[in-house]
Each structure stands twice: as C-alpha cells, then as structure tokens.
PDB file of N, CA and C in Angstrom:
ATOM      1  N   MET A   1       9.461  42.000  17.023  1.00  0.00           N
ATOM      2  CA  MET A   1      10.094  42.726  18.442  1.00  0.00           C
ATOM      3  C   MET A   1      11.558  41.316  17.570  1.00  0.00           C
ATOM      4  N   LEU A   2      11.786  40.095  17.336  1.00  0.00           N
ATOM      5  CA  LEU A   2      11.817  38.716  16.613  1.00  0.00           C
ATOM      6  C   LEU A   2      12.694  39.103  15.374  1.00  0.00           C
ATOM      7  N   LEU A   3      11.661  39.725  14.829  1.00  0.00           N
ATOM      8  CA  LEU A   3      12.516  40.732  13.070  1.00  0.00           C
ATOM      9  C   LEU A   3      13.114  41.770  13.270  1.00  0.00           C
ATOM     10  N   GLY A   4      12.399  42.540  15.368  1.00  0.00           N
ATOM     11  CA  GLY A   4      13.681  43.895  15.039  1.00  0.00           C
ATOM     12  C   GLY A   4      12.698  45.120  13.983  1.00  0.00           C
ATOM     13  N   GLU A   5      11.864  44.906  13.331  1.00  0.00           N
ATOM     14  CA  GLU A   5      10.675  45.402  11.810  1.00  0.00           C
ATOM     15  C   GLU A   5       9.701  46.088  12.776  1.00  0.00           C
ATOM     16  N   ASN A   6       9.410  47.810  12.579  1.00  0.00           N
ATOM     17  CA  ASN A   6       9.319  48.733  13.515  1.00  0.00           C
ATOM     18  C   ASN A   6       7.476  48.726  13.411  1.00  0.00           C
ATOM     19  N   ILE A   7       6.718  48.771  13.816  1.00  0.00           N
ATOM     20  CA  ILE A   7       4.704  48.294  13.942  1.00  0.00           C
ATOM     21  C   ILE A   7       4.503  49.640  13.510  1.00  0.00           C
ATOM     22  N   VAL A   8       3.555  49.817  12.432  1.00  0.00           N
ATOM     23  CA  VAL A   8       2.499  51.338  12.099  1.00  0.00           C
ATOM     24  C   VAL A   8       1.225  50.266  12.275  1.00  0.00           C
ATOM     25  N   VAL A   9       0.449  50.175  13.115  1.00  0.00           N
ATOM     26  CA  VAL A   9      -0.743  50.357  13.252  1.00  0.00           C
ATOM     27  C   VAL A   9      -1.705  50.726  11.732  1.00  0.00           C
ATOM     28  N   ASP A  10      -2.714  50.389  11.030  1.00  0.00           N
ATOM     29  CA  ASP A  10      -3.553  50.718  10.401  1.00  0.00           C
ATOM     30  C   ASP A  10      -4.133  51.480  11.401  1.00  0.00           C
ATOM     31  N   GLU A  11      -4.257  53.000  10.387  1.00  0.00           N
ATOM     32  CA  GLU A  11      -5.081  54.267  10.574  1.00  0.00           C
ATOM     33  C   GLU A  11      -6.093  53.570  11.589  1.00  0.00           C
ATOM     34  N   LYS A  12      -6.667  52.318  11.094  1.00  0.00           N
ATOM     35  CA  LYS A  12      -8.440  52.460  11.091  1.00  0.00           C
ATOM     36  C   LYS A  12      -8.177  52.226  12.522  1.00  0.00           C
ATOM     37  N   TYR A  13      -7.239  51.941  13.699  1.00  0.00           N
ATOM     38  CA  TYR A  13      -7.653  50.836  14.818  1.00  0.00           C
ATOM     39  C   TYR A  13      -6.519  51.805  15.427  1.00  0.00           C
ATOM     40  N   THR A  14      -7.017  51.741  16.931  1.00  0.00           N
ATOM     41  CA  THR A  14      -6.521  52.878  17.777  1.00  0.00           C
ATOM     42  C   THR A  14      -5.575  51.552  18.444  1.00  0.00           C
ATOM     43  N   VAL A  15      -4.619  52.037  19.728  1.00  0.00           N
ATOM     44  CA  VAL A  15      -3.893  50.701  20.668  1.00  0.00           C
ATOM     45  C   VAL A  15      -4.557  52.422  22.145  1.00  0.00           C
ATOM     46  N   SER A  16      -4.538  51.148  22.807  1.00  0.00           N
ATOM     47  CA  SER A  16      -4.523  51.898  24.457  1.00  0.00           C
ATOM     48  C   SER A  16      -3.600  52.824  24.663  1.00  0.00           C
ATOM     49  N   GLU A  17      -4.097  53.981  25.187  1.00  0.00           N
ATOM     50  CA  GLU A  17      -3.347  55.416  25.142  1.00  0.00           C
ATOM     51  C   GLU A  17      -1.754  54.393  26.346  1.00  0.00           C
ATOM     52  N   LYS A  18      -2.981  53.740  27.621  1.00  0.00           N
ATOM     53  CA  LYS A  18      -1.289  53.249  28.228  1.00  0.00           C
ATOM     54  C   LYS A  18      -0.242  52.675  27.699  1.00  0.00           C
ATOM     55  N   LEU A  19      -1.336  50.854  27.089  1.00  0.00           N
ATOM     56  CA  LEU A  19       0.403  50.241  26.250  1.00  0.00           C
ATOM     57  C   LEU A  19       0.988  50.728  25.608  1.00  0.00           C
ATOM     58  N   LEU A  20       0.439  52.233  25.011  1.00  0.00           N
ATOM     59  CA  LEU A  20       1.303  52.686  23.864  1.00  0.00           C
ATOM     60  C   LEU A  20       2.888  52.726  24.938  1.00  0.00           C
ATOM     61  N   THR A  21       2.081  53.886  25.610  1.00  0.00           N
ATOM     62  CA  THR A  21       3.466  54.300  26.184  1.00  0.00           C
ATOM     63  C   THR A  21       3.912  53.099  27.378  1.00  0.00           C
ATOM     64  N   GLN A  22       3.643  52.130  27.282  1.00  0.00           N
ATOM     65  CA  GLN A  22       4.487  51.356  29.326  1.00  0.00           C
ATOM     66  C   GLN A  22       5.093  50.618  27.660  1.00  0.00           C
ATOM     67  N   LEU A  23       5.471  49.956  26.157  1.00  0.00           N
ATOM     68  CA  LEU A  23       5.891  49.595  25.646  1.00  0.00           C
ATOM     69  C   LEU A  23       7.104  49.037  25.764  1.00  0.00           C
ATOM     70  N   ASP A  24       7.877  50.223  26.135  1.00  0.00           N
ATOM     71  CA  ASP A  24       9.482  50.989  26.167  1.00  0.00           C
ATOM     72  C   ASP A  24       9.591  49.408  27.330  1.00  0.00           C
ATOM     73  N   ALA A  25       9.146  49.652  28.057  1.00  0.00           N
ATOM     74  CA  ALA A  25       9.442  48.902  29.559  1.00  0.00           C
ATOM     75  C   ALA A  25       9.368  47.217  29.266  1.00  0.00           C
ATOM     76  N   ILE A  26       7.647  47.189  28.616  1.00  0.00           N
ATOM     77  CA  ILE A  26       7.663  45.917  28.614  1.00  0.00           C
ATOM     78  C   ILE A  26       8.266  45.347  27.562  1.00  0.00           C
ATOM     79  N   GLN A  27       9.164  46.071  26.366  1.00  0.00           N
ATOM     80  CA  GLN A  27      10.012  45.395  25.263  1.00  0.00           C
ATOM     81  C   GLN A  27      11.819  44.968  26.160  1.00  0.00           C
ATOM     82  N   LYS A  28      11.830  46.041  27.440  1.00  0.00           N
ATOM     83  CA  LYS A  28      13.043  45.322  28.013  1.00  0.00           C
ATOM     84  C   LYS A  28      12.743  44.160  29.310  1.00  0.00           C
ATOM     85  N   ILE A  29      10.791  43.792  29.610  1.00  0.00           N
ATOM     86  CA  ILE A  29      11.666  42.751  30.576  1.00  0.00           C
ATOM     87  C   ILE A  29      11.611  41.973  29.192  1.00  0.00           C
ATOM     88  N   PHE A  30      11.056  41.588  27.700  1.00  0.00           N
ATOM     89  CA  PHE A  30      10.654  41.049  27.034  1.00  0.00           C
ATOM     90  C   PHE A  30      13.084  40.113  26.525  1.00  0.00           C
ATOM     91  N   ASN A  31      13.395  41.900  26.036  1.00  0.00           N
ATOM     92  CA  ASN A  31      14.275  41.716  26.024  1.00  0.00           C
ATOM     93  C   ASN A  31      15.784  41.027  26.917  1.00  0.00           C
ATOM     94  N   CYS A  32      14.827  41.146  28.277  1.00  0.00           N
ATOM     95  CA  CYS A  32      15.771  40.286  29.454  1.00  0.00           C
ATOM     96  C   CYS A  32      15.570  38.745  29.274  1.00  0.00           C
ATOM     97  N   TRP A  33      13.948  38.389  28.853  1.00  0.00           N
ATOM     98  CA  TRP A  33      14.792  37.285  28.859  1.00  0.00           C
ATOM     99  C   TRP A  33      15.134  36.413  27.944  1.00  0.00           C
ATOM    100  N   ASN A  34      15.180  36.796  26.940  1.00  0.00           N
ATOM    101  CA  ASN A  34      15.591  36.191  25.840  1.00  0.00           C
ATOM    102  C   ASN A  34      15.971  38.232  24.788  1.00  0.00           C
ATOM    103  N   PRO A  35      17.219  37.949  25.075  1.00  0.00           N
ATOM    104  CA  PRO A  35      18.445  39.144  23.762  1.00  0.00           C
ATOM    105  C   PRO A  35      18.257  38.564  22.856  1.00  0.00           C
ATOM    106  N   ILE A  36      17.080  37.974  22.263  1.00  0.00           N
ATOM    107  CA  ILE A  36      17.258  37.908  20.588  1.00  0.00           C
ATOM    108  C   ILE A  36      15.912  38.692  21.038  1.00  0.00           C
ATOM    109  N   PHE A  37      15.523  39.077  20.889  1.00  0.00           N
ATOM    110  CA  PHE A  37      14.062  40.085  21.348  1.00  0.00           C
ATOM    111  C   PHE A  37      14.565  41.419  20.647  1.00  0.00           C
ATOM    112  N   LYS A  38      14.674  42.557  19.388  1.00  0.00           N
ATOM    113  CA  LYS A  38      15.112  43.494  19.675  1.00  0.00           C
ATOM    114  C   LYS A  38      14.155  44.594  19.544  1.00  0.00           C
ATOM    115  N   PHE A  39      14.857  45.861  20.207  1.00  0.00           N
ATOM    116  CA  PHE A  39      13.444  46.829  20.832  1.00  0.00           C
ATOM    117  C   PHE A  39      13.026  47.744  18.724  1.00  0.00           C
ATOM    118  N   ILE A  40      11.889  47.850  19.200  1.00  0.00           N
ATOM    119  CA  ILE A  40      11.116  48.730  17.896  1.00  0.00           C
ATOM    120  C   ILE A  40       9.747  49.542  18.520  1.00  0.00           C
ATOM    121  N   SER A  41       9.623  50.267  17.322  1.00  0.00           N
ATOM    122  CA  SER A  41       8.745  50.909  17.178  1.00  0.00           C
ATOM    123  C   SER A  41       7.710  51.028  16.886  1.00  0.00           C
ATOM    124  N   VAL A  42       6.032  51.104  17.678  1.00  0.00           N
ATOM    125  CA  VAL A  42       5.356  50.733  17.114  1.00  0.00           C
ATOM    126  C   VAL A  42       4.944  52.347  17.069  1.00  0.00           C
ATOM    127  N   THR A  43       4.241  52.808  16.121  1.00  0.00           N
ATOM    128  CA  THR A  43       2.989  53.615  16.021  1.00  0.00           C
ATOM    129  C   THR A  43       1.860  53.745  15.636  1.00  0.00           C
ATOM    130  N   SER A  44       0.098  53.718  16.706  1.00  0.00           N
ATOM    131  CA  SER A  44      -0.560  54.060  16.453  1.00  0.00           C
ATOM    132  C   SER A  44      -1.446  55.514  16.811  1.00  0.00           C
ATOM    133  N   ALA A  45      -2.591  55.894  16.150  1.00  0.00           N
ATOM    134  CA  ALA A  45      -3.480  56.628  17.209  1.00  0.00           C
ATOM    135  C   ALA A  45      -3.722  55.513  18.102  1.00  0.00           C
ATOM    136  N   THR A  46      -3.874  56.078  20.181  1.00  0.00           N
ATOM    137  CA  THR A  46      -4.752  55.946  20.951  1.00  0.00           C
ATOM    138  C   THR A  46      -6.092  56.044  21.125  1.00  0.00           C
ATOM    139  N   LYS A  47      -6.407  55.231  22.095  1.00  0.00           N
ATOM    140  CA  LYS A  47      -7.483  56.161  22.506  1.00  0.00           C
ATOM    141  C   LYS A  47      -6.669  55.962  23.917  1.00  0.00           C
ATOM    142  N   LYS A  48      -7.947  56.354  24.666  1.00  0.00           N
ATOM    143  CA  LYS A  48      -7.435  56.857  26.117  1.00  0.00           C
ATOM    144  C   LYS A  48      -9.067  55.400  26.798  1.00  0.00           C
ATOM    145  N   ILE A  49      -8.602  54.304  27.915  1.00  0.00           N
ATOM    146  CA  ILE A  49      -9.496  53.741  27.924  1.00  0.00           C
ATOM    147  C   ILE A  49     -10.037  54.002  29.468  1.00  0.00           C
ATOM    148  N   VAL A  50     -11.052  54.501  29.795  1.00  0.00           N
ATOM    149  CA  VAL A  50     -11.868  54.632  31.327  1.00  0.00           C
ATOM    150  C   VAL A  50     -12.137  53.445  32.180  1.00  0.00           C
ATOM    151  N   ALA A  51     -11.325  53.586  32.646  1.00  0.00           N
ATOM    152  CA  ALA A  51     -11.862  52.198  33.846  1.00  0.00           C
ATOM    153  C   ALA A  51     -12.922  51.835  33.358  1.00  0.00           C
ATOM    154  N   SER A  52     -14.179  52.297  32.992  1.00  0.00           N
ATOM    155  CA  SER A  52     -15.562  52.103  33.146  1.00  0.00           C
ATOM    156  C   SER A  52     -16.043  51.223  31.847  1.00  0.00           C
ATOM    157  N   TYR A  53     -15.241  51.959  31.067  1.00  0.00           N
ATOM    158  CA  TYR A  53     -15.813  50.954  30.083  1.00  0.00           C
ATOM    159  C   TYR A  53     -14.679  49.703  29.581  1.00  0.00           C
ATOM    160  N   LEU A  54     -13.856  48.897  30.898  1.00  0.00           N
ATOM    161  CA  LEU A  54     -12.598  48.222  30.638  1.00  0.00           C
ATOM    162  C   LEU A  54     -13.665  47.188  31.111  1.00  0.00           C
ATOM    163  N   SER A  55     -13.504  46.201  29.140  1.00  0.00           N
ATOM    164  CA  SER A  55     -14.169  44.286  29.742  1.00  0.00           C
ATOM    165  C   SER A  55     -13.124  43.458  29.371  1.00  0.00           C
ATOM    166  N   ALA A  56     -13.341  41.665  29.700  1.00  0.00           N
ATOM    167  CA  ALA A  56     -12.478  41.478  29.246  1.00  0.00           C
ATOM    168  C   ALA A  56     -11.909  41.065  27.863  1.00  0.00           C
ATOM    169  N   SER A  57     -10.270  40.815  27.799  1.00  0.00           N
ATOM    170  CA  SER A  57     -10.680  40.261  26.719  1.00  0.00           C
ATOM    171  C   SER A  57      -9.217  39.192  26.641  1.00  0.00           C
ATOM    172  N   CYS A  58      -9.896  38.203  25.565  1.00  0.00           N
ATOM    173  CA  CYS A  58      -8.771  36.846  25.811  1.00  0.00           C
ATOM    174  C   CYS A  58      -7.900  37.106  23.803  1.00  0.00           C
ATOM    175  N   PHE A  59      -6.520  36.159  24.591  1.00  0.00           N
ATOM    176  CA  PHE A  59      -5.893  35.477  23.068  1.00  0.00           C
ATOM    177  C   PHE A  59      -6.930  34.615  22.675  1.00  0.00           C
ATOM    178  N   PHE A  60      -6.990  34.544  21.445  1.00  0.00           N
ATOM    179  CA  PHE A  60      -7.997  33.219  21.123  1.00  0.00           C
ATOM    180  C   PHE A  60      -6.890  32.621  19.525  1.00  0.00           C
ATOM    181  N   SER A  61      -6.762  31.411  19.583  1.00  0.00           N
ATOM    182  CA  SER A  61      -6.329  30.980  18.348  1.00  0.00           C
ATOM    183  C   SER A  61      -7.253  29.653  18.181  1.00  0.00           C
ATOM    184  N   GLY A  62      -8.818  29.962  18.758  1.00  0.00           N
ATOM    185  CA  GLY A  62      -8.916  28.100  18.318  1.00  0.00           C
ATOM    186  C   GLY A  62      -8.902  27.487  18.903  1.00  0.00           C
ATOM    187  N   GLY A  63      -7.831  27.333  19.733  1.00  0.00           N
ATOM    188  CA  GLY A  63      -7.682  26.097  19.999  1.00  0.00           C
ATOM    189  C   GLY A  63      -8.086  25.697  21.475  1.00  0.00           C
ATOM    190  N   VAL A  64      -8.273  24.458  21.671  1.00  0.00           N
ATOM    191  CA  VAL A  64      -8.218  23.870  23.659  1.00  0.00           C
ATOM    192  C   VAL A  64      -8.392  25.286  24.387  1.00  0.00           C
ATOM    193  N   ASP A  65      -7.246  25.853  24.496  1.00  0.00           N
ATOM    194  CA  ASP A  65      -7.383  26.473  26.311  1.00  0.00           C
ATOM    195  C   ASP A  65      -8.508  27.347  25.776  1.00  0.00           C
ATOM    196  N   GLY A  66      -8.164  28.527  24.430  1.00  0.00           N
ATOM    197  CA  GLY A  66      -9.307  29.486  23.776  1.00  0.00           C
ATOM    198  C   GLY A  66     -10.772  29.471  24.494  1.00  0.00           C
ATOM    199  N   SER A  67     -10.764  28.231  23.461  1.00  0.00           N
ATOM    200  CA  SER A  67     -11.960  28.246  23.762  1.00  0.00           C
ATOM    201  C   SER A  67     -12.996  27.705  24.576  1.00  0.00           C
ATOM    202  N   TYR A  68     -12.340  27.016  25.652  1.00  0.00           N
ATOM    203  CA  TYR A  68     -12.676  25.974  27.533  1.00  0.00           C
ATOM    204  C   TYR A  68     -12.863  28.223  27.879  1.00  0.00           C
ATOM    205  N   LEU A  69     -11.512  29.245  28.311  1.00  0.00           N
ATOM    206  CA  LEU A  69     -12.002  30.351  28.490  1.00  0.00           C
ATOM    207  C   LEU A  69     -12.718  30.964  27.695  1.00  0.00           C
ATOM    208  N   LEU A  70     -13.752  30.422  26.578  1.00  0.00           N
ATOM    209  CA  LEU A  70     -14.522  31.477  26.157  1.00  0.00           C
ATOM    210  C   LEU A  70     -16.145  31.221  26.657  1.00  0.00           C
ATOM    211  N   ILE A  71     -15.310  29.899  26.178  1.00  0.00           N
ATOM    212  CA  ILE A  71     -17.192  28.941  26.651  1.00  0.00           C
ATOM    213  C   ILE A  71     -16.840  29.858  28.061  1.00  0.00           C
ATOM    214  N   LYS A  72     -16.539  29.265  28.699  1.00  0.00           N
ATOM    215  CA  LYS A  72     -16.845  29.097  30.229  1.00  0.00           C
ATOM    216  C   LYS A  72     -17.082  31.122  29.993  1.00  0.00           C
ATOM    217  N   HIS A  73     -16.280  31.936  30.455  1.00  0.00           N
ATOM    218  CA  HIS A  73     -16.314  33.347  29.957  1.00  0.00           C
ATOM    219  C   HIS A  73     -17.483  34.155  29.156  1.00  0.00           C
ATOM    220  N   LYS A  74     -17.843  32.926  29.029  1.00  0.00           N
ATOM    221  CA  LYS A  74     -18.264  34.431  27.492  1.00  0.00           C
ATOM    222  C   LYS A  74     -19.181  35.221  28.105  1.00  0.00           C
ATOM    223  N   ASP A  75     -19.789  34.841  28.666  1.00  0.00           N
ATOM    224  CA  ASP A  75     -21.078  36.376  29.078  1.00  0.00           C
ATOM    225  C   ASP A  75     -19.325  37.712  29.332  1.00  0.00           C
ATOM    226  N   ILE A  76     -18.813  37.921  29.892  1.00  0.00           N
ATOM    227  CA  ILE A  76     -17.872  38.425  29.563  1.00  0.00           C
ATOM    228  C   ILE A  76     -16.896  39.695  29.143  1.00  0.00           C
ATOM    229  N   ILE A  77     -15.957  38.594  27.858  1.00  0.00           N
ATOM    230  CA  ILE A  77     -15.338  38.659  27.262  1.00  0.00           C
ATOM    231  C   ILE A  77     -16.155  39.003  26.127  1.00  0.00           C
ATOM    232  N   GLU A  78     -15.718  40.892  26.024  1.00  0.00           N
ATOM    233  CA  GLU A  78     -15.616  41.310  24.684  1.00  0.00           C
ATOM    234  C   GLU A  78     -15.294  41.322  24.137  1.00  0.00           C
ATOM    235  N   ASN A  79     -14.102  41.426  24.144  1.00  0.00           N
ATOM    236  CA  ASN A  79     -12.733  41.160  22.579  1.00  0.00           C
ATOM    237  C   ASN A  79     -11.852  39.908  22.819  1.00  0.00           C
ATOM    238  N   LEU A  80     -11.150  39.249  21.261  1.00  0.00           N
ATOM    239  CA  LEU A  80     -10.510  38.422  21.432  1.00  0.00           C
ATOM    240  C   LEU A  80      -9.263  38.798  20.090  1.00  0.00           C
ATOM    241  N   VAL A  81      -8.387  38.803  20.660  1.00  0.00           N
ATOM    242  CA  VAL A  81      -7.353  38.835  20.089  1.00  0.00           C
ATOM    243  C   VAL A  81      -6.247  37.444  19.192  1.00  0.00           C
ATOM    244  N   LEU A  82      -6.366  37.663  18.420  1.00  0.00           N
ATOM    245  CA  LEU A  82      -5.484  36.486  17.461  1.00  0.00           C
ATOM    246  C   LEU A  82      -3.991  38.056  16.921  1.00  0.00           C
ATOM    247  N   ILE A  83      -3.481  36.808  16.868  1.00  0.00           N
ATOM    248  CA  ILE A  83      -1.613  37.829  16.167  1.00  0.00           C
ATOM    249  C   ILE A  83      -1.477  36.942  15.251  1.00  0.00           C
ATOM    250  N   ASN A  84      -0.824  36.635  14.037  1.00  0.00           N
ATOM    251  CA  ASN A  84      -0.514  36.502  13.466  1.00  0.00           C
ATOM    252  C   ASN A  84       1.855  37.483  13.395  1.00  0.00           C
ATOM    253  N   GLY A  85       2.333  36.303  14.105  1.00  0.00           N
ATOM    254  CA  GLY A  85       3.567  35.696  14.032  1.00  0.00           C
ATOM    255  C   GLY A  85       4.475  35.811  15.641  1.00  0.00           C
ATOM    256  N   PHE A  86       2.773  35.501  15.987  1.00  0.00           N
ATOM    257  CA  PHE A  86       3.635  35.693  17.791  1.00  0.00           C
ATOM    258  C   PHE A  86       4.491  34.358  17.150  1.00  0.00           C
ATOM    259  N   ASP A  87       3.758  33.308  17.520  1.00  0.00           N
ATOM    260  CA  ASP A  87       4.575  31.540  17.507  1.00  0.00           C
ATOM    261  C   ASP A  87       4.575  31.135  16.122  1.00  0.00           C
ATOM    262  N   PHE A  88       3.612  31.776  15.596  1.00  0.00           N
ATOM    263  CA  PHE A  88       3.048  31.258  14.198  1.00  0.00           C
ATOM    264  C   PHE A  88       4.067  31.820  13.448  1.00  0.00           C
ATOM    265  N   ASN A  89       3.596  31.740  12.110  1.00  0.00           N
ATOM    266  CA  ASN A  89       3.917  33.245  11.273  1.00  0.00           C
ATOM    267  C   ASN A  89       3.452  32.334   9.589  1.00  0.00           C
ATOM    268  N   MET A  90       2.052  33.186   9.386  1.00  0.00           N
ATOM    269  CA  MET A  90       0.809  32.304   8.724  1.00  0.00           C
ATOM    270  C   MET A  90       0.726  33.649   7.644  1.00  0.00           C
ATOM    271  N   ASP A  91       1.054  32.370   6.165  1.00  0.00           N
ATOM    272  CA  ASP A  91       1.048  32.989   5.240  1.00  0.00           C
ATOM    273  C   ASP A  91      -0.956  33.706   5.038  1.00  0.00           C
ATOM    274  N   ASP A  92      -0.765  35.137   3.535  1.00  0.00           N
ATOM    275  CA  ASP A  92      -1.815  35.476   3.690  1.00  0.00           C
ATOM    276  C   ASP A  92      -3.166  34.407   3.758  1.00  0.00           C
ATOM    277  N   ILE A  93      -2.939  34.218   2.797  1.00  0.00           N
ATOM    278  CA  ILE A  93      -4.334  32.607   2.012  1.00  0.00           C
ATOM    279  C   ILE A  93      -4.297  31.928   3.848  1.00  0.00           C
ATOM    280  N   THR A  94      -3.389  31.586   4.406  1.00  0.00           N
ATOM    281  CA  THR A  94      -4.310  30.808   6.148  1.00  0.00           C
ATOM    282  C   THR A  94      -4.686  32.259   7.033  1.00  0.00           C
ATOM    283  N   TRP A  95      -3.883  32.874   6.941  1.00  0.00           N
ATOM    284  CA  TRP A  95      -4.314  33.691   7.912  1.00  0.00           C
ATOM    285  C   TRP A  95      -5.807  34.051   7.586  1.00  0.00           C
ATOM    286  N   GLN A  96      -6.098  34.727   6.346  1.00  0.00           N
ATOM    287  CA  GLN A  96      -8.153  34.522   5.980  1.00  0.00           C
ATOM    288  C   GLN A  96      -8.554  33.236   6.835  1.00  0.00           C
ATOM    289  N   ASN A  97      -7.714  32.543   5.963  1.00  0.00           N
ATOM    290  CA  ASN A  97      -8.313  31.784   6.737  1.00  0.00           C
ATOM    291  C   ASN A  97      -9.327  30.887   8.363  1.00  0.00           C
ATOM    292  N   MET A  98      -7.865  31.360   9.017  1.00  0.00           N
ATOM    293  CA  MET A  98      -7.901  32.244  10.820  1.00  0.00           C
ATOM    294  C   MET A  98      -8.541  32.398  11.124  1.00  0.00           C
ATOM    295  N   ILE A  99      -8.622  33.546  10.456  1.00  0.00           N
ATOM    296  CA  ILE A  99      -9.984  34.865  10.297  1.00  0.00           C
ATOM    297  C   ILE A  99     -10.983  34.668  10.432  1.00  0.00           C
ATOM    298  N   ASN A 100     -11.288  34.076   9.100  1.00  0.00           N
ATOM    299  CA  ASN A 100     -12.629  33.049   8.914  1.00  0.00           C
ATOM    300  C   ASN A 100     -13.521  32.294  10.275  1.00  0.00           C
ATOM    301  N   ARG A 101     -12.562  31.082  10.009  1.00  0.00           N
ATOM    302  CA  ARG A 101     -12.593  30.212  10.797  1.00  0.00           C
ATOM    303  C   ARG A 101     -13.486  30.789  12.708  1.00  0.00           C
ATOM    304  N   ASN A 102     -12.468  31.653  12.206  1.00  0.00           N
ATOM    305  CA  ASN A 102     -12.826  32.752  14.555  1.00  0.00           C
ATOM    306  C   ASN A 102     -13.817  32.971  14.337  1.00  0.00           C
ATOM    307  N   THR A 103     -14.035  34.330  13.342  1.00  0.00           N
ATOM    308  CA  THR A 103     -15.114  34.502  12.710  1.00  0.00           C
ATOM    309  C   THR A 103     -16.578  33.536  12.794  1.00  0.00           C
ATOM    310  N   GLU A 104     -17.024  32.760  12.165  1.00  0.00           N
ATOM    311  CA  GLU A 104     -17.584  31.563  12.909  1.00  0.00           C
ATOM    312  C   GLU A 104     -17.868  31.161  13.993  1.00  0.00           C
ATOM    313  N   ILE A 105     -16.671  30.367  14.377  1.00  0.00           N
ATOM    314  CA  ILE A 105     -16.698  30.280  15.834  1.00  0.00           C
ATOM    315  C   ILE A 105     -17.580  31.367  17.212  1.00  0.00           C
ATOM    316  N   LEU A 106     -17.282  32.573  16.736  1.00  0.00           N
ATOM    317  CA  LEU A 106     -17.605  32.867  17.643  1.00  0.00           C
ATOM    318  C   LEU A 106     -18.643  33.491  17.408  1.00  0.00           C
ATOM    319  N   LYS A 107     -19.928  33.291  16.359  1.00  0.00           N
ATOM    320  CA  LYS A 107     -21.506  33.377  15.983  1.00  0.00           C
ATOM    321  C   LYS A 107     -21.502  32.731  16.285  1.00  0.00           C
ATOM    322  N   TYR A 108     -21.682  31.691  17.592  1.00  0.00           N
ATOM    323  CA  TYR A 108     -22.110  30.645  18.762  1.00  0.00           C
ATOM    324  C   TYR A 108     -21.976  30.999  19.590  1.00  0.00           C
TER     325      TYR A 108
END
C-alpha cells in the first residue's frame, strides 16, 4: 500500500477467503490512519478456513517480542508470519538470510 503496487501471491500459496474479501475494509482503515497508504489489489488463490481448523499465528521477525511470544505459547502457535517490506525492506540476500535464521530458531 505504501508503494501503491498491486500484489499477486505465488500460486503455491493461498490466502484466507475471508481475509481476501475484507481487504477493502482493511485498506480503508489503513488509508484513514495515514493517506500515504494507497489502495491496491491482491490476487491470490483462496482457501476457505473452517473454524475447527483455526490455529494461533503470530508475526515473528526473531526479535525479543516475537521470541517471547513464541516461547510462552509454543504449544498453541502453529503459524509464524514474516513480512519483508512492512516496516523494513531487505534485499534478496538479506531476506533469505533472515528466513534461514528464523527457520533455524524454529527447530528449537
């Protein structure tokens, strides 16, 4: 949204159908908070999530807050989300190093 660039999610991934249908409302909120955020389109295969399959997820960059949350709730957290470009933007090599480092952390 900051760059005003549309997103096409790689076909090997899916996005929650409910999330995708709510993106307009979410973008309106972000744009209301700060008009620098532009409205974009997100194209992705979707997956309908049934409530019985919901699990806990958290954002995780390997920092103190995320690490504490992961350790405290490791028995229920099934998904970690790492985003490049939300509050920082890494080049491809640095991004891959971040993925590799966080993958190693998750082994413990």
